[in-house]
C-alpha atoms as a PDB file:
ATOM      1  CA  MET A   1     167.038  99.771   2.946  1.00  0.00           C
ATOM      2  CA  ASN A   2     170.394 101.530   2.810  1.00  0.00           C
ATOM      3  CA  THR A   3     171.123 104.496   5.070  1.00  0.00           C
ATOM      4  CA  LYS A   4     174.447 105.804   3.691  1.00  0.00           C
ATOM      5  CA  VAL A   5     174.984 107.479   0.338  1.00  0.00           C
ATOM      6  CA  TYR A   6     178.286 108.454  -1.265  1.00  0.00           C
ATOM      7  CA  VAL A   7     178.173 111.153  -3.929  1.00  0.00           C
ATOM      8  CA  GLU A   8     180.836 111.014  -6.649  1.00  0.00           C
ATOM      9  CA  GLY A   9     181.257 114.783  -6.552  1.00  0.00           C
ATOM     10  CA  GLY A  10     179.827 117.618  -4.458  1.00  0.00           C
ATOM     11  CA  ILE A  11     176.540 118.231  -2.667  1.00  0.00           C
ATOM     12  CA  LEU A  12     174.675 121.557  -2.814  1.00  0.00           C
ATOM     13  CA  ILE A  13     171.478 122.034  -0.774  1.00  0.00           C
ATOM     14  CA  MET A  14     169.146 124.761  -2.086  1.00  0.00           C
ATOM     15  CA  THR A  15     166.131 124.304   0.203  1.00  0.00           C
ATOM     16  CA  PRO A  16     165.401 124.515   3.954  1.00  0.00           C
ATOM     17  CA  TYR A  17     163.031 121.545   3.604  1.00  0.00           C
ATOM     18  CA  PHE A  18     165.806 118.972   3.456  1.00  0.00           C
ATOM     19  CA  LYS A  19     167.779 117.456   6.314  1.00  0.00           C
ATOM     20  CA  TYR A  20     170.166 114.561   6.720  1.00  0.00           C
ATOM     21  CA  LYS A  21     171.043 112.134   9.497  1.00  0.00           C
ATOM     22  CA  ASN A  22     174.765 112.773   9.042  1.00  0.00           C
ATOM     23  CA  ALA A  23     176.980 114.233   6.348  1.00  0.00           C
ATOM     24  CA  GLY A  24     180.532 115.051   5.334  1.00  0.00           C
ATOM     25  CA  ALA A  25     182.852 116.130   2.529  1.00  0.00           C
ATOM     26  CA  LEU A  26     186.268 115.284   1.082  1.00  0.00           C
ATOM     27  CA  TYR A  27     185.788 111.530   1.334  1.00  0.00           C
ATOM     28  CA  ALA A  28     188.248 109.975  -1.105  1.00  0.00           C
ATOM     29  CA  GLU A  29     186.572 106.594  -0.600  1.00  0.00           C
ATOM     30  CA  PRO A  30     182.949 105.736   0.155  1.00  0.00           C
ATOM     31  CA  PRO A  31     182.275 105.033   3.849  1.00  0.00           C
ATOM     32  CA  LYS A  32     181.624 101.373   4.552  1.00  0.00           C
ATOM     33  CA  GLY A  33     178.140 100.286   3.524  1.00  0.00           C
ATOM     34  CA  SER A  34     177.482 103.298   1.272  1.00  0.00           C
ATOM     35  CA  GLU A  35     175.595 103.227  -1.978  1.00  0.00           C
ATOM     36  CA  ILE A  36     176.932 105.497  -4.710  1.00  0.00           C
ATOM     37  CA  ILE A  37     175.200 108.333  -6.578  1.00  0.00           C
ATOM     38  CA  THR A  38     176.870 109.776  -9.665  1.00  0.00           C
ATOM     39  CA  PRO A  39     175.572 113.356 -10.104  1.00  0.00           C
ATOM     40  CA  LYS A  40     174.119 114.391 -13.462  1.00  0.00           C
ATOM     41  CA  GLN A  41     174.553 118.132 -12.843  1.00  0.00           C
ATOM     42  CA  ASN A  42     177.635 120.325 -12.713  1.00  0.00           C
ATOM     43  CA  VAL A  43     178.347 123.390 -10.581  1.00  0.00           C
ATOM     44  CA  GLU A  44     181.256 125.508 -11.776  1.00  0.00           C
ATOM     45  CA  GLY A  45     182.481 122.540 -13.775  1.00  0.00           C
ATOM     46  CA  ASN A  46     182.286 120.072 -10.878  1.00  0.00           C
ATOM     47  CA  PRO A  47     179.897 117.105 -10.708  1.00  0.00           C
ATOM     48  CA  CYS A  48     177.320 117.978  -8.053  1.00  0.00           C
ATOM     49  CA  LEU A  49     174.129 116.641  -6.511  1.00  0.00           C
ATOM     50  CA  VAL A  50     171.896 119.738  -6.351  1.00  0.00           C
ATOM     51  CA  ILE A  51     169.109 119.259  -3.792  1.00  0.00           C
ATOM     52  CA  SER A  52     165.914 121.320  -4.134  1.00  0.00           C
ATOM     53  CA  GLU A  53     162.270 120.853  -3.149  1.00  0.00           C
ATOM     54  CA  GLU A  54     161.534 119.579  -6.653  1.00  0.00           C
ATOM     55  CA  LYS A  55     164.493 117.175  -6.831  1.00  0.00           C
ATOM     56  CA  ALA A  56     165.858 115.652  -3.667  1.00  0.00           C
ATOM     57  CA  PRO A  57     167.041 112.349  -2.242  1.00  0.00           C
ATOM     58  CA  SER A  58     165.557 111.031   1.003  1.00  0.00           C
ATOM     59  CA  PHE A  59     166.107 113.057   4.168  1.00  0.00           C
ATOM     60  CA  PHE A  60     166.314 109.844   6.241  1.00  0.00           C
ATOM     61  CA  LYS A  61     169.869 109.062   5.080  1.00  0.00           C
ATOM     62  CA  GLU A  62     173.513 110.057   5.584  1.00  0.00           C
ATOM     63  CA  TYR A  63     175.313 111.859   2.739  1.00  0.00           C
ATOM     64  CA  TYR A  64     179.053 111.899   2.093  1.00  0.00           C
ATOM     65  CA  ALA A  65     180.615 113.832  -0.772  1.00  0.00           C
ATOM     66  CA  LYS A  66     183.813 113.094  -2.630  1.00  0.00           C
ATOM     67  CA  THR A  67     184.529 116.807  -2.984  1.00  0.00           C
ATOM     68  CA  PHE A  68     182.481 119.590  -1.380  1.00  0.00           C
ATOM     69  CA  PHE A  69     179.337 119.794   0.750  1.00  0.00           C
ATOM     70  CA  THR A  70     177.566 123.151   1.045  1.00  0.00           C
ATOM     71  CA  THR A  71     174.124 124.506   1.811  1.00  0.00           C
ATOM     72  CA  LYS A  72     172.440 127.854   1.221  1.00  0.00           C
ATOM     73  CA  CYS A  73     169.797 127.152   3.892  1.00  0.00           C
ATOM     74  CA  THR A  74     169.399 126.064   7.486  1.00  0.00           C
ATOM     75  CA  PHE A  75     166.933 123.315   8.310  1.00  0.00           C
ATOM     76  CA  ALA A  76     163.289 124.354   8.536  1.00  0.00           C
ATOM     77  CA  PRO A  77     162.437 124.593  12.268  1.00  0.00           C
ATOM     78  CA  PHE A  78     160.081 121.604  12.267  1.00  0.00           C
ATOM     79  CA  PHE A  79     163.004 119.254  11.603  1.00  0.00           C
ATOM     80  CA  SER A  80     164.550 120.103  14.983  1.00  0.00           C
ATOM     81  CA  ASN A  81     161.415 120.819  17.020  1.00  0.00           C
ATOM     82  CA  THR A  82     160.753 118.842  20.174  1.00  0.00           C
ATOM     83  CA  ILE A  83     157.310 118.122  21.592  1.00  0.00           C
ATOM     84  CA  ASP A  84     157.916 120.958  24.058  1.00  0.00           C
ATOM     85  CA  ASP A  85     158.784 123.306  21.163  1.00  0.00           C
ATOM     86  CA  CYS A  86     155.478 122.491  19.444  1.00  0.00           C
ATOM     87  CA  PHE A  87     153.490 123.341  22.570  1.00  0.00           C
ATOM     88  CA  ALA A  88     155.593 126.393  23.425  1.00  0.00           C
ATOM     89  CA  SER A  89     154.778 127.889  20.016  1.00  0.00           C
ATOM     90  CA  PHE A  90     151.083 127.155  20.583  1.00  0.00           C
ATOM     91  CA  MET A  91     151.195 128.764  24.036  1.00  0.00           C
ATOM     92  CA  ASN A  92     152.806 131.910  22.600  1.00  0.00           C
ATOM     93  CA  ARG A  93     149.958 132.279  20.099  1.00  0.00           C
ATOM     94  CA  ILE A  94     147.306 131.755  22.783  1.00  0.00           C
ATOM     95  CA  ASN A  95     148.968 134.293  25.065  1.00  0.00           C
ATOM     96  CA  GLU A  96     148.954 136.814  22.207  1.00  0.00           C
ATOM     97  CA  VAL A  97     145.191 136.339  21.861  1.00  0.00           C
ATOM     98  CA  ARG A  98     144.709 136.760  25.614  1.00  0.00           C
ATOM     99  CA  GLU A  99     146.773 139.943  25.628  1.00  0.00           C
ATOM    100  CA  LEU A 100     144.836 141.271  22.645  1.00  0.00           C
ATOM    101  CA  LEU A 101     141.567 140.757  24.512  1.00  0.00           C
ATOM    102  CA  GLU A 102     142.846 142.378  27.691  1.00  0.00           C
ATOM    103  CA  ARG A 103     144.448 145.429  26.084  1.00  0.00           C
ATOM    104  CA  ASN A 104     142.155 146.288  23.172  1.00  0.00           C
ATOM    105  CA  ASP A 105     138.618 145.919  24.503  1.00  0.00           C
ATOM    106  CA  VAL A 106     137.994 149.667  24.321  1.00  0.00           C
ATOM    107  CA  ASN A 107     135.797 150.478  21.328  1.00  0.00           C
ATOM    108  CA  GLN A 108     132.206 149.294  21.760  1.00  0.00           C
ATOM    109  CA  PRO A 109     131.266 149.191  18.032  1.00  0.00           C
ATOM    110  CA  THR A 110     134.202 146.904  17.190  1.00  0.00           C
ATOM    111  CA  GLN A 111     134.150 144.615  20.219  1.00  0.00           C
ATOM    112  CA  GLN A 112     132.337 141.782  18.438  1.00  0.00           C
ATOM    113  CA  ILE A 113     134.889 141.833  15.611  1.00  0.00           C
ATOM    114  CA  LEU A 114     137.655 141.549  18.206  1.00  0.00           C
ATOM    115  CA  TYR A 115     135.918 138.671  19.976  1.00  0.00           C
ATOM    116  CA  ARG A 116     135.175 136.743  16.797  1.00  0.00           C
ATOM    117  CA  LEU A 117     138.663 137.117  15.402  1.00  0.00           C
ATOM    118  CA  SER A 118     140.115 136.068  18.760  1.00  0.00           C
ATOM    119  CA  ILE A 119     138.215 132.770  18.483  1.00  0.00           C
ATOM    120  CA  VAL A 120     139.464 132.312  14.905  1.00  0.00           C
ATOM    121  CA  SER A 121     143.059 132.976  16.002  1.00  0.00           C
ATOM    122  CA  ALA A 122     142.871 130.578  18.948  1.00  0.00           C
ATOM    123  CA  VAL A 123     141.477 127.756  16.797  1.00  0.00           C
ATOM    124  CA  ALA A 124     144.152 128.506  14.182  1.00  0.00           C
ATOM    125  CA  ALA A 125     146.778 128.096  16.919  1.00  0.00           C
ATOM    126  CA  LEU A 126     145.356 124.646  17.686  1.00  0.00           C
ATOM    127  CA  ASP A 127     145.275 123.781  13.974  1.00  0.00           C
ATOM    128  CA  THR A 128     148.950 124.754  13.685  1.00  0.00           C
ATOM    129  CA  LEU A 129     149.832 122.756  16.804  1.00  0.00           C
ATOM    130  CA  ILE A 130     148.355 119.579  15.299  1.00  0.00           C
ATOM    131  CA  SER A 131     150.261 120.237  12.063  1.00  0.00           C
ATOM    132  CA  ASP A 132     153.480 120.681  14.075  1.00  0.00           C
ATOM    133  CA  LEU A 133     152.829 117.427  15.947  1.00  0.00           C
ATOM    134  CA  VAL A 134     152.271 115.587  12.664  1.00  0.00           C
ATOM    135  CA  LEU A 135     155.503 116.984  11.194  1.00  0.00           C
ATOM    136  CA  TYR A 136     157.371 116.185  14.410  1.00  0.00           C
ATOM    137  CA  ILE A 137     156.549 112.495  14.302  1.00  0.00           C
ATOM    138  CA  ALA A 138     156.592 112.096  10.503  1.00  0.00           C
ATOM    139  CA  THR A 139     160.203 113.259  10.193  1.00  0.00           C
ATOM    140  CA  LYS A 140     161.576 111.026  12.952  1.00  0.00           C
ATOM    141  CA  SER A 141     161.603 107.674  11.140  1.00  0.00           C
ATOM    142  CA  ARG A 142     160.686 105.966   7.881  1.00  0.00           C
ATOM    143  CA  GLU A 143     158.034 103.888   9.628  1.00  0.00           C
ATOM    144  CA  ALA A 144     156.346 106.970  11.075  1.00  0.00           C
ATOM    145  CA  PHE A 145     156.612 108.749   7.716  1.00  0.00           C
ATOM    146  CA  LEU A 146     154.727 105.957   5.933  1.00  0.00           C
ATOM    147  CA  LYS A 147     152.121 105.833   8.685  1.00  0.00           C
ATOM    148  CA  THR A 148     151.642 109.577   8.263  1.00  0.00           C
ATOM    149  CA  VAL A 149     151.201 109.281   4.496  1.00  0.00           C
ATOM    150  CA  LYS A 150     148.448 106.724   5.079  1.00  0.00           C
ATOM    151  CA  SER A 151     146.718 108.813   7.743  1.00  0.00           C
ATOM    152  CA  ILE A 152     146.664 112.425   6.507  1.00  0.00           C
ATOM    153  CA  GLY A 153     144.047 112.094   3.805  1.00  0.00           C
ATOM    154  CA  ILE A 154     146.009 112.175   0.539  1.00  0.00           C
ATOM    155  CA  PRO A 155     143.598 110.913  -2.177  1.00  0.00           C
ATOM    156  CA  ALA A 156     143.902 107.125  -2.529  1.00  0.00           C
ATOM    157  CA  LYS A 157     145.030 107.124  -6.168  1.00  0.00           C
ATOM    158  CA  ASN A 158     147.818 109.612  -5.475  1.00  0.00           C
ATOM    159  CA  ASN A 159     148.601 107.910  -2.174  1.00  0.00           C
ATOM    160  CA  VAL A 160     149.532 104.597  -3.832  1.00  0.00           C
ATOM    161  CA  ASN A 161     151.734 106.299  -6.410  1.00  0.00           C
ATOM    162  CA  LEU A 162     153.317 108.451  -3.709  1.00  0.00           C
ATOM    163  CA  ILE A 163     154.250 105.464  -1.565  1.00  0.00           C
ATOM    164  CA  GLU A 164     155.844 103.752  -4.563  1.00  0.00           C
ATOM    165  CA  ARG A 165     157.910 106.857  -5.255  1.00  0.00           C
ATOM    166  CA  ILE A 166     158.947 107.143  -1.598  1.00  0.00           C
ATOM    167  CA  LEU A 167     160.069 103.516  -1.550  1.00  0.00           C
ATOM    168  CA  ARG A 168     162.165 104.117  -4.671  1.00  0.00           C
ATOM    169  CA  MET A 169     163.819 107.041  -2.871  1.00  0.00           C
ATOM    170  CA  TRP A 170     164.619 104.797   0.064  1.00  0.00           C
ATOM    171  CA  CYS A 171     165.580 101.624  -1.796  1.00  0.00           C
ATOM    172  CA  ASP A 172     167.018 102.922  -5.086  1.00  0.00           C
ATOM    173  CA  ASN A 173     168.221 106.428  -4.094  1.00  0.00           C
ATOM    174  CA  ALA A 174     165.771 107.941  -6.567  1.00  0.00           C
ATOM    175  CA  ILE A 175     165.880 111.741  -6.809  1.00  0.00           C
ATOM    176  CA  ASP A 176     162.269 112.858  -6.455  1.00  0.00           C
ATOM    177  CA  SER A 177     159.918 115.304  -4.699  1.00  0.00           C
ATOM    178  CA  ALA A 178     157.768 112.633  -3.013  1.00  0.00           C
ATOM    179  CA  GLU A 179     158.903 113.317   0.562  1.00  0.00           C
ATOM    180  CA  GLN A 180     158.609 117.055  -0.030  1.00  0.00           C
ATOM    181  CA  GLU A 181     155.055 116.607  -1.312  1.00  0.00           C
ATOM    182  CA  VAL A 182     154.090 114.892   1.937  1.00  0.00           C
ATOM    183  CA  VAL A 183     155.564 117.771   3.952  1.00  0.00           C
ATOM    184  CA  ASP A 184     153.689 120.280   1.767  1.00  0.00           C
ATOM    185  CA  HIS A 185     150.436 118.375   2.234  1.00  0.00           C
ATOM    186  CA  ILE A 186     150.856 118.373   6.028  1.00  0.00           C
ATOM    187  CA  LEU A 187     151.545 122.124   6.011  1.00  0.00           C
ATOM    188  CA  ARG A 188     148.503 122.853   3.804  1.00  0.00           C
ATOM    189  CA  LYS A 189     146.077 120.504   5.501  1.00  0.00           C
ATOM    190  CA  SER A 190     143.523 121.968   7.920  1.00  0.00           C
ATOM    191  CA  TYR A 191     143.023 120.266  11.264  1.00  0.00           C
ATOM    192  CA  SER A 192     140.029 122.438  12.266  1.00  0.00           C
ATOM    193  CA  SER A 193     137.790 119.441  12.898  1.00  0.00           C
ATOM    194  CA  MET A 194     137.578 117.557  16.172  1.00  0.00           C
ATOM    195  CA  THR A 195     137.072 114.287  14.313  1.00  0.00           C
ATOM    196  CA  ASP A 196     140.173 114.918  12.210  1.00  0.00           C
ATOM    197  CA  ILE A 197     142.215 115.998  15.242  1.00  0.00           C
ATOM    198  CA  LYS A 198     141.214 112.962  17.317  1.00  0.00           C
ATOM    199  CA  ASN A 199     141.775 110.494  14.460  1.00  0.00           C
ATOM    200  CA  THR A 200     145.192 111.979  13.679  1.00  0.00           C
ATOM    201  CA  LEU A 201     146.323 111.778  17.307  1.00  0.00           C
ATOM    202  CA  THR A 202     145.078 108.197  17.607  1.00  0.00           C
ATOM    203  CA  LEU A 203     146.814 107.038  14.425  1.00  0.00           C
ATOM    204  CA  LEU A 204     150.147 108.767  14.977  1.00  0.00           C
ATOM    205  CA  TYR A 205     150.481 108.917  18.767  1.00  0.00           C
ATOM    206  CA  ASP A 206     148.244 106.036  19.843  1.00  0.00           C
ATOM    207  CA  ILE A 207     146.285 108.255  22.236  1.00  0.00           C
ATOM    208  CA  SER A 208     142.533 108.593  22.573  1.00  0.00           C
ATOM    209  CA  MET A 209     140.857 111.903  23.331  1.00  0.00           C
ATOM    210  CA  PRO A 210     137.310 111.825  24.773  1.00  0.00           C
ATOM    211  CA  ASN A 211     134.432 113.623  23.096  1.00  0.00           C
ATOM    212  CA  ASP A 212     134.376 117.307  24.001  1.00  0.00           C
ATOM    213  CA  ASP A 213     131.127 119.131  23.256  1.00  0.00           C
ATOM    214  CA  ASN A 214     132.609 122.488  24.249  1.00  0.00           C
ATOM    215  CA  MET A 215     135.428 122.137  21.717  1.00  0.00           C
ATOM    216  CA  GLU A 216     132.964 121.007  19.043  1.00  0.00           C
ATOM    217  CA  GLU A 217     130.892 124.133  19.672  1.00  0.00           C
ATOM    218  CA  ILE A 218     133.944 126.415  19.549  1.00  0.00           C
ATOM    219  CA  ILE A 219     135.101 124.948  16.239  1.00  0.00           C
ATOM    220  CA  ARG A 220     131.592 125.239  14.758  1.00  0.00           C
ATOM    221  CA  ALA A 221     131.584 128.909  15.790  1.00  0.00           C
ATOM    222  CA  ARG A 222     135.002 129.375  14.193  1.00  0.00           C
ATOM    223  CA  HIS A 223     133.727 127.966  10.886  1.00  0.00           C
ATOM    224  CA  LEU A 224     130.747 130.344  10.889  1.00  0.00           C
ATOM    225  CA  ILE A 225     133.008 133.304  11.658  1.00  0.00           C
ATOM    226  CA  ALA A 226     135.641 132.375   9.062  1.00  0.00           C
ATOM    227  CA  HIS A 227     133.260 131.372   6.268  1.00  0.00           C
ATOM    228  CA  ARG A 228     130.022 133.300   6.979  1.00  0.00           C
ATOM    229  CA  ASN A 229     131.370 136.331   8.833  1.00  0.00           C
ATOM    230  CA  GLY A 230     129.685 135.044  12.002  1.00  0.00           C
ATOM    231  CA  ARG A 231     126.167 134.739  10.596  1.00  0.00           C
ATOM    232  CA  LYS A 232     124.190 131.768  11.876  1.00  0.00           C
ATOM    233  CA  LYS A 233     121.686 129.634   9.951  1.00  0.00           C
ATOM    234  CA  ASP A 234     118.768 131.716  11.274  1.00  0.00           C
ATOM    235  CA  GLY A 235     120.373 134.890   9.944  1.00  0.00           C
ATOM    236  CA  ASN A 236     121.432 136.256  13.314  1.00  0.00           C
ATOM    237  CA  MET A 237     125.051 137.075  14.083  1.00  0.00           C
ATOM    238  CA  ILE A 238     127.133 135.246  16.660  1.00  0.00           C
ATOM    239  CA  VAL A 239     127.547 137.464  19.708  1.00  0.00           C
ATOM    240  CA  PHE A 240     130.057 136.914  22.531  1.00  0.00           C
ATOM    241  CA  THR A 241     130.783 138.683  25.779  1.00  0.00           C
ATOM    242  CA  LYS A 242     134.384 139.301  26.714  1.00  0.00           C
ATOM    243  CA  GLU A 243     134.114 136.680  29.454  1.00  0.00           C
ATOM    244  CA  GLU A 244     132.712 134.083  27.023  1.00  0.00           C
ATOM    245  CA  THR A 245     135.508 134.763  24.562  1.00  0.00           C
ATOM    246  CA  ILE A 246     138.229 134.384  27.191  1.00  0.00           C
ATOM    247  CA  SER A 247     136.559 131.207  28.437  1.00  0.00           C
ATOM    248  CA  LYS A 248     136.566 129.693  24.940  1.00  0.00           C
ATOM    249  CA  VAL A 249     140.224 130.603  24.405  1.00  0.00           C
ATOM    250  CA  ASN A 250     141.049 128.975  27.741  1.00  0.00           C
ATOM    251  CA  ARG A 251     139.136 125.817  26.777  1.00  0.00           C
ATOM    252  CA  ILE A 252     141.266 125.523  23.624  1.00  0.00           C
ATOM    253  CA  TYR A 253     144.385 125.949  25.759  1.00  0.00           C
ATOM    254  CA  ASP A 254     143.200 123.300  28.228  1.00  0.00           C
ATOM    255  CA  PHE A 255     142.374 120.839  25.452  1.00  0.00           C
ATOM    256  CA  ALA A 256     145.841 121.243  23.927  1.00  0.00           C
ATOM    257  CA  PHE A 257     147.551 120.528  27.220  1.00  0.00           C
ATOM    258  CA  ARG A 258     145.419 117.467  27.832  1.00  0.00           C
ATOM    259  CA  VAL A 259     146.796 116.292  24.476  1.00  0.00           C
ATOM    260  CA  LYS A 260     150.339 117.033  25.658  1.00  0.00           C
ATOM    261  CA  ASP A 261     149.857 115.076  28.882  1.00  0.00           C
ATOM    262  CA  LYS A 262     148.551 112.057  26.982  1.00  0.00           C
ATOM    263  CA  ILE A 263     151.400 112.155  24.443  1.00  0.00           C
ATOM    264  CA  LEU A 264     154.049 112.389  27.152  1.00  0.00           C
ATOM    265  CA  ASN A 265     152.402 109.679  29.261  1.00  0.00           C
ATOM    266  CA  GLU A 266     152.190 107.353  26.259  1.00  0.00           C
ATOM    267  CA  SER A 267     155.817 108.101  25.369  1.00  0.00           C
ATOM    268  CA  GLU A 268     156.901 107.288  28.912  1.00  0.00           C
ATOM    269  CA  ARG A 269     154.859 104.057  28.908  1.00  0.00           C
ATOM    270  CA  MET A 270     156.443 102.930  25.638  1.00  0.00           C
ATOM    271  CA  SER A 271     159.934 103.723  26.972  1.00  0.00           C
ATOM    272  CA  GLU A 272     159.328 101.570  30.000  1.00  0.00           C
ATOM    273  CA  PHE A 273     157.888  98.790  27.822  1.00  0.00           C
ATOM    274  CA  SER A 274     160.989  98.753  25.607  1.00  0.00           C
ATOM    275  CA  ARG A 275     163.499  98.495  28.473  1.00  0.00           C
END
């Protein structure tokens, strides 16, 4: 599969959800090993490859323009995130929940609302962390991207068609939205299930997380709060103490950092293996 593309004209990027391995402008001749794209659009009378979410080439390649290269957007943050960035963002959200609990536990009639929503927010922070980890690995290589497509639960019929379209983007320089659709699916997908979280981490990071009954219970409580306003099957409402709420938030934090330790340990093991 080729990695360099030469555009017979200019390049205009209109979306933050596109990146490139390398790029340049004012190339009179194609760099060695480049495949050539002849743009079908014009911008101010100049042939131009206009890149949007709906129509884009692959973001795993290098792009060199005969004339100009310009972008209206910076890369979306997930393209440049590190593993540490993913966990730092998670930690910020958890610390916000902790501060909320410490500073706003003043009105007795609304305490249970505060406690319930704190659990929802903490689980949402974990959900977002898993999404960030999926995006982190999916955008690093073509191999990881395909593995992600096969693991994130896109319906089988669409999955097959999507892979074919992705391969055409990689092999034939097709202009398509297939890669963008995968990114959108990752961003929309909920990871508020321990089974889903564990399977995703195993498939993409080759790590195994043990069963955790406390996390299962917290996520079940989150579902009841989010979808039934905290009402249990027997009709009673979920009730927490402040201490219980803080403990559950801390358990989510601890689980996330056990994940981080396993990812980093596995990464270090693979680095040593490849030396």
